[in-house]
Amino acid sequence: METDGRLEQTTTHEWNHGIGEIVSALLANGLTLTGLTEHRSVPWNALPGRMTCDEHDEWRLIEHPERVPLSYTLRARKS
């Protein structure tokens, strides 16, 4: 979702877990999945030499960008 607002809280947390593991953990803890969106770009050069920066300052894979999402947004709520 695009916004003109400036983010004040910019701390991020990253872990290398499969999507199935993450969704299973959410469901096992009583959360309901309300949305899952895959993204073909990230705001940093995650794979130097294999990415290109687009007109929105987002980095995308040069070859076969359709093969794998680079990030995702997951929404869940407590049931």
C-alpha atoms as a PDB file:
ATOM      1  CA  MET A   1       0.000   0.000   0.000  1.00  0.00           C
ATOM      2  CA  GLU A   2       1.474   3.343  -1.012  1.00  0.00           C
ATOM      3  CA  THR A   3       1.400   6.321   1.308  1.00  0.00           C
ATOM      4  CA  ASP A   4       2.798   9.823   1.451  1.00  0.00           C
ATOM      5  CA  GLY A   5       3.280   9.461   5.205  1.00  0.00           C
ATOM      6  CA  ARG A   6       6.769   9.058   6.623  1.00  0.00           C
ATOM      7  CA  LEU A   7       7.454   5.899   8.636  1.00  0.00           C
ATOM      8  CA  GLU A   8       8.495   6.616  12.194  1.00  0.00           C
ATOM      9  CA  GLN A   9       9.019   3.017  13.314  1.00  0.00           C
ATOM     10  CA  THR A  10      11.527   1.481  10.908  1.00  0.00           C
ATOM     11  CA  THR A  11      12.944  -1.438  12.861  1.00  0.00           C
ATOM     12  CA  THR A  12      12.678  -4.684  10.916  1.00  0.00           C
ATOM     13  CA  HIS A  13      13.163  -8.296  11.964  1.00  0.00           C
ATOM     14  CA  GLU A  14      14.286 -10.980   9.553  1.00  0.00           C
ATOM     15  CA  TRP A  15      14.378 -14.761   9.828  1.00  0.00           C
ATOM     16  CA  ASN A  16      14.892 -17.443   7.229  1.00  0.00           C
ATOM     17  CA  HIS A  17      11.783 -19.628   7.660  1.00  0.00           C
ATOM     18  CA  GLY A  18       9.626 -21.285   5.030  1.00  0.00           C
ATOM     19  CA  ILE A  19       6.162 -19.842   4.460  1.00  0.00           C
ATOM     20  CA  GLY A  20       4.547 -23.144   5.520  1.00  0.00           C
ATOM     21  CA  GLU A  21       6.371 -23.040   8.852  1.00  0.00           C
ATOM     22  CA  ILE A  22       5.268 -19.462   9.470  1.00  0.00           C
ATOM     23  CA  VAL A  23       1.606 -20.006   8.553  1.00  0.00           C
ATOM     24  CA  SER A  24       1.473 -23.220  10.613  1.00  0.00           C
ATOM     25  CA  ALA A  25       2.875 -21.398  13.649  1.00  0.00           C
ATOM     26  CA  LEU A  26       0.281 -18.619  13.318  1.00  0.00           C
ATOM     27  CA  LEU A  27      -2.583 -21.104  13.043  1.00  0.00           C
ATOM     28  CA  ALA A  28      -1.258 -23.211  15.939  1.00  0.00           C
ATOM     29  CA  ASN A  29      -1.297 -20.106  18.125  1.00  0.00           C
ATOM     30  CA  GLY A  30      -4.892 -19.160  17.411  1.00  0.00           C
ATOM     31  CA  LEU A  31      -4.385 -16.539  14.738  1.00  0.00           C
ATOM     32  CA  THR A  32      -6.433 -16.306  11.561  1.00  0.00           C
ATOM     33  CA  LEU A  33      -4.646 -15.495   8.326  1.00  0.00           C
ATOM     34  CA  THR A  34      -6.356 -12.493   6.724  1.00  0.00           C
ATOM     35  CA  GLY A  35      -3.971 -11.693   3.898  1.00  0.00           C
ATOM     36  CA  LEU A  36      -0.814 -12.800   2.139  1.00  0.00           C
ATOM     37  CA  THR A  37       0.763 -10.775  -0.657  1.00  0.00           C
ATOM     38  CA  GLU A  38       3.988 -11.702  -2.439  1.00  0.00           C
ATOM     39  CA  HIS A  39       6.301  -8.950  -3.673  1.00  0.00           C
ATOM     40  CA  ARG A  40       8.704  -9.101  -6.617  1.00  0.00           C
ATOM     41  CA  SER A  41      10.853  -6.262  -5.283  1.00  0.00           C
ATOM     42  CA  VAL A  42      12.639  -5.129  -2.127  1.00  0.00           C
ATOM     43  CA  PRO A  43      13.939  -1.683  -1.100  1.00  0.00           C
ATOM     44  CA  TRP A  44      17.592  -2.829  -0.963  1.00  0.00           C
ATOM     45  CA  ASN A  45      20.039  -4.620  -3.244  1.00  0.00           C
ATOM     46  CA  ALA A  46      19.654  -8.039  -1.640  1.00  0.00           C
ATOM     47  CA  LEU A  47      21.603  -9.924  -4.326  1.00  0.00           C
ATOM     48  CA  PRO A  48      24.353  -7.673  -5.724  1.00  0.00           C
ATOM     49  CA  GLY A  49      24.999  -8.311  -9.395  1.00  0.00           C
ATOM     50  CA  ARG A  50      21.660 -10.066  -9.873  1.00  0.00           C
ATOM     51  CA  MET A  51      19.317  -7.157  -9.297  1.00  0.00           C
ATOM     52  CA  THR A  52      18.410  -3.875 -10.916  1.00  0.00           C
ATOM     53  CA  CYS A  53      16.860  -0.774  -9.374  1.00  0.00           C
ATOM     54  CA  ASP A  54      13.559   0.365 -10.905  1.00  0.00           C
ATOM     55  CA  GLU A  55      11.978   3.821 -11.221  1.00  0.00           C
ATOM     56  CA  HIS A  56      10.494   3.504  -7.704  1.00  0.00           C
ATOM     57  CA  ASP A  57      13.887   2.781  -6.063  1.00  0.00           C
ATOM     58  CA  GLU A  58      12.887  -0.860  -5.614  1.00  0.00           C
ATOM     59  CA  TRP A  59      15.260  -3.706  -6.439  1.00  0.00           C
ATOM     60  CA  ARG A  60      14.139  -6.553  -8.699  1.00  0.00           C
ATOM     61  CA  LEU A  61      15.797  -9.675 -10.073  1.00  0.00           C
ATOM     62  CA  ILE A  62      17.280  -9.168 -13.527  1.00  0.00           C
ATOM     63  CA  GLU A  63      16.638 -12.722 -14.744  1.00  0.00           C
ATOM     64  CA  HIS A  64      13.307 -14.515 -14.248  1.00  0.00           C
ATOM     65  CA  PRO A  65      11.790 -12.174 -11.627  1.00  0.00           C
ATOM     66  CA  GLU A  66       8.550 -14.174 -11.834  1.00  0.00           C
ATOM     67  CA  ARG A  67      10.162 -17.307 -10.364  1.00  0.00           C
ATOM     68  CA  VAL A  68      10.373 -16.331  -6.723  1.00  0.00           C
ATOM     69  CA  PRO A  69       8.914 -13.614  -4.515  1.00  0.00           C
ATOM     70  CA  LEU A  70      11.588 -11.547  -2.778  1.00  0.00           C
ATOM     71  CA  SER A  71       9.404 -10.688   0.193  1.00  0.00           C
ATOM     72  CA  TYR A  72       5.813 -10.875   1.332  1.00  0.00           C
ATOM     73  CA  THR A  73       3.308  -9.128   3.543  1.00  0.00           C
ATOM     74  CA  LEU A  74       1.340 -11.372   5.882  1.00  0.00           C
ATOM     75  CA  ARG A  75      -1.650 -10.183   7.890  1.00  0.00           C
ATOM     76  CA  ALA A  76      -3.241 -12.149  10.716  1.00  0.00           C
ATOM     77  CA  ARG A  77      -5.575 -11.462  13.591  1.00  0.00           C
ATOM     78  CA  LYS A  78      -6.182 -13.097  16.932  1.00  0.00           C
ATOM     79  CA  SER A  79      -9.238 -15.339  16.644  1.00  0.00           C
END
